[in-house]
Amino acid sequence: MKLILTQEVVGLGAPGDVVEVKDGYGRNYLIPRGDAIRWTRGGEKTIESIKSARASRAVRDQDHAVEVKGKLEAKAVNLPVRAGEGGRLFGAVTVADIANALSETSGEKVDKRTIVLGNPIKSLGAHQVSVKLHDEVSATVSLNVVSA
């Protein structure tokens, strides 16, 4: 099955890429989640619009990405959350929460899709979070999860 990706799919491609996947994976997973649309001959216009939207959202160039990296890594980010006894959280810290905290602290808009978490954050304390700013530039941010 040929599909046009509308979102970045790890291990498959970036928005605007035309990929060939197994029928079940495309029909049951990618299309219902909105990560892809079916490929058609008229899809070139769709591909161009997806790529232009991606370019406008992305950090403009590598120099600007390095500048944003410096701002993000300059200081630790405090994220207040509700916690129970023993430092356990009610739920987990989401990438949207992290993106909002980074945007407020650094003054730069951080897209939640660029944040990479190894494991869900479910405890208080210091954690390391990776933010992919550009193809060649990633920032490692210190995140302090504190009780609200």
Protein backbone atom coordinates (compact mmCIF):
# COMPACT_ATOMS: atom_id res chain seq x y z
CA MET A 1 0.00 0.00 0.00
CA LYS A 2 1.36 3.41 -0.97
CA LEU A 3 0.79 6.21 1.53
CA ILE A 4 1.69 9.88 1.97
CA LEU A 5 2.84 10.61 5.53
CA THR A 6 1.21 13.61 7.22
CA GLN A 7 3.12 13.24 10.53
CA GLU A 8 6.62 12.04 11.34
CA VAL A 9 6.64 8.28 11.96
CA VAL A 10 9.78 6.97 13.64
CA GLY A 11 11.54 4.45 11.43
CA LEU A 12 9.33 5.21 8.44
CA GLY A 13 9.71 8.82 7.34
CA ALA A 14 8.91 12.50 7.66
CA PRO A 15 5.77 14.43 6.65
CA GLY A 16 5.36 14.57 2.89
CA ASP A 17 7.25 11.33 2.20
CA VAL A 18 5.66 8.69 -0.01
CA VAL A 19 6.16 5.26 1.59
CA GLU A 20 5.24 1.68 0.80
CA VAL A 21 3.87 -0.26 3.80
CA LYS A 22 1.95 -3.47 4.40
CA ASP A 23 -1.80 -3.16 3.88
CA GLY A 24 -2.79 -3.92 7.48
CA TYR A 25 -0.29 -1.45 8.98
CA GLY A 26 -1.54 1.34 6.75
CA ARG A 27 -5.24 0.54 6.95
CA ASN A 28 -5.44 -0.28 10.68
CA TYR A 29 -2.81 2.00 12.22
CA LEU A 30 -1.43 4.86 10.12
CA ILE A 31 -4.62 6.09 8.40
CA PRO A 32 -6.96 5.97 11.46
CA ARG A 33 -4.39 7.86 13.59
CA GLY A 34 -4.06 10.57 10.94
CA ASP A 35 -0.38 9.83 10.38
CA ALA A 36 -0.89 9.09 6.68
CA ILE A 37 -3.30 9.43 3.77
CA ARG A 38 -3.72 7.21 0.73
CA TRP A 39 -1.48 7.99 -2.23
CA THR A 40 -3.20 9.17 -5.41
CA ARG A 41 -1.98 10.62 -8.67
CA GLY A 42 -3.30 14.02 -7.60
CA GLY A 43 -1.34 13.75 -4.35
CA GLU A 44 1.57 15.88 -5.56
CA LYS A 45 -0.31 19.03 -4.46
CA THR A 46 -0.91 17.45 -1.07
CA ILE A 47 2.74 16.52 -0.75
CA GLU A 48 3.85 20.07 -1.55
CA SER A 49 1.41 21.61 0.96
CA ILE A 50 2.54 19.20 3.69
CA LYS A 51 6.22 19.95 3.03
CA SER A 52 5.64 23.73 3.01
CA ALA A 53 3.72 23.54 6.31
CA ARG A 54 6.52 21.44 7.79
CA ALA A 55 9.12 23.96 6.66
CA SER A 56 7.21 26.86 8.20
CA ARG A 57 6.92 25.05 11.56
CA ALA A 58 10.49 23.86 11.68
CA VAL A 59 13.36 25.87 13.04
CA ARG A 60 14.60 27.89 10.09
CA ASP A 61 18.22 26.82 9.78
CA GLN A 62 21.02 25.16 11.65
CA ASP A 63 22.43 28.43 13.05
CA HIS A 64 19.07 29.30 14.59
CA ALA A 65 18.81 25.74 15.95
CA VAL A 66 22.17 26.12 17.70
CA GLU A 67 20.99 29.42 19.20
CA VAL A 68 17.76 27.81 20.46
CA LYS A 69 19.81 24.89 21.85
CA GLY A 70 21.87 27.35 23.89
CA LYS A 71 18.72 28.93 25.34
CA LEU A 72 17.17 25.56 26.23
CA GLU A 73 20.29 24.13 27.86
CA ALA A 74 21.15 27.36 29.73
CA LYS A 75 19.12 26.56 32.84
CA ALA A 76 17.10 23.75 34.37
CA VAL A 77 13.34 23.82 33.87
CA ASN A 78 11.04 23.35 36.86
CA LEU A 79 7.76 21.56 36.17
CA PRO A 80 5.24 21.56 39.05
CA VAL A 81 2.91 18.54 39.09
CA ARG A 82 0.52 16.88 41.54
CA ALA A 83 2.22 14.14 43.50
CA GLY A 84 1.25 11.73 46.26
CA GLU A 85 3.24 10.36 49.15
CA GLY A 86 6.68 9.02 48.36
CA GLY A 87 7.15 11.20 45.29
CA ARG A 88 4.84 9.21 43.00
CA LEU A 89 2.88 11.26 40.46
CA PHE A 90 -0.82 11.05 39.71
CA GLY A 91 -0.36 9.90 36.11
CA ALA A 92 2.71 10.85 34.10
CA VAL A 93 4.33 14.00 32.76
CA THR A 94 3.27 14.45 29.12
CA VAL A 95 5.31 15.89 26.27
CA ALA A 96 2.76 18.72 26.02
CA ASP A 97 3.49 19.67 29.66
CA ILE A 98 7.22 19.62 28.94
CA ALA A 99 6.78 21.70 25.75
CA ASN A 100 4.77 24.35 27.63
CA ALA A 101 7.37 24.54 30.43
CA LEU A 102 10.23 24.84 27.92
CA SER A 103 8.41 27.54 25.96
CA GLU A 104 7.75 29.58 29.11
CA THR A 105 11.32 29.25 30.40
CA SER A 106 13.26 29.84 27.19
CA GLY A 107 10.93 32.19 25.33
CA GLU A 108 11.20 29.98 22.21
CA LYS A 109 8.21 28.01 20.91
CA VAL A 110 8.91 24.29 21.32
CA ASP A 111 6.78 21.80 19.38
CA LYS A 112 5.72 18.78 21.43
CA ARG A 113 6.52 16.45 18.51
CA THR A 114 10.22 17.34 18.77
CA ILE A 115 10.53 16.10 22.38
CA VAL A 116 11.98 12.61 22.82
CA LEU A 117 11.29 10.74 26.07
CA GLY A 118 12.96 7.39 26.70
CA ASN A 119 10.56 6.29 29.44
CA PRO A 120 7.48 8.03 30.85
CA ILE A 121 8.27 10.37 33.74
CA LYS A 122 6.30 9.16 36.77
CA SER A 123 8.38 10.39 39.72
CA LEU A 124 9.63 13.61 41.23
CA GLY A 125 13.24 14.66 40.76
CA ALA A 126 15.69 15.53 37.99
CA HIS A 127 15.26 14.03 34.54
CA GLN A 128 17.03 14.48 31.18
CA VAL A 129 14.87 15.22 28.12
CA SER A 130 16.08 15.38 24.52
CA VAL A 131 14.66 17.94 22.06
CA LYS A 132 15.34 17.46 18.35
CA LEU A 133 15.59 20.99 16.95
CA HIS A 134 17.07 20.26 13.53
CA ASP A 135 18.28 17.20 11.63
CA GLU A 136 21.80 17.69 13.05
CA VAL A 137 21.02 19.57 16.29
CA SER A 138 19.55 18.08 19.46
CA ALA A 139 19.38 19.70 22.89
CA THR A 140 19.50 17.83 26.20
CA VAL A 141 17.43 19.70 28.76
CA SER A 142 17.49 19.24 32.55
CA LEU A 143 13.93 18.91 33.81
CA ASN A 144 13.16 19.15 37.52
CA VAL A 145 9.77 17.65 38.35
CA VAL A 146 8.61 19.22 41.62
CA SER A 147 5.48 18.81 43.72
CA ALA A 148 2.85 21.52 43.18
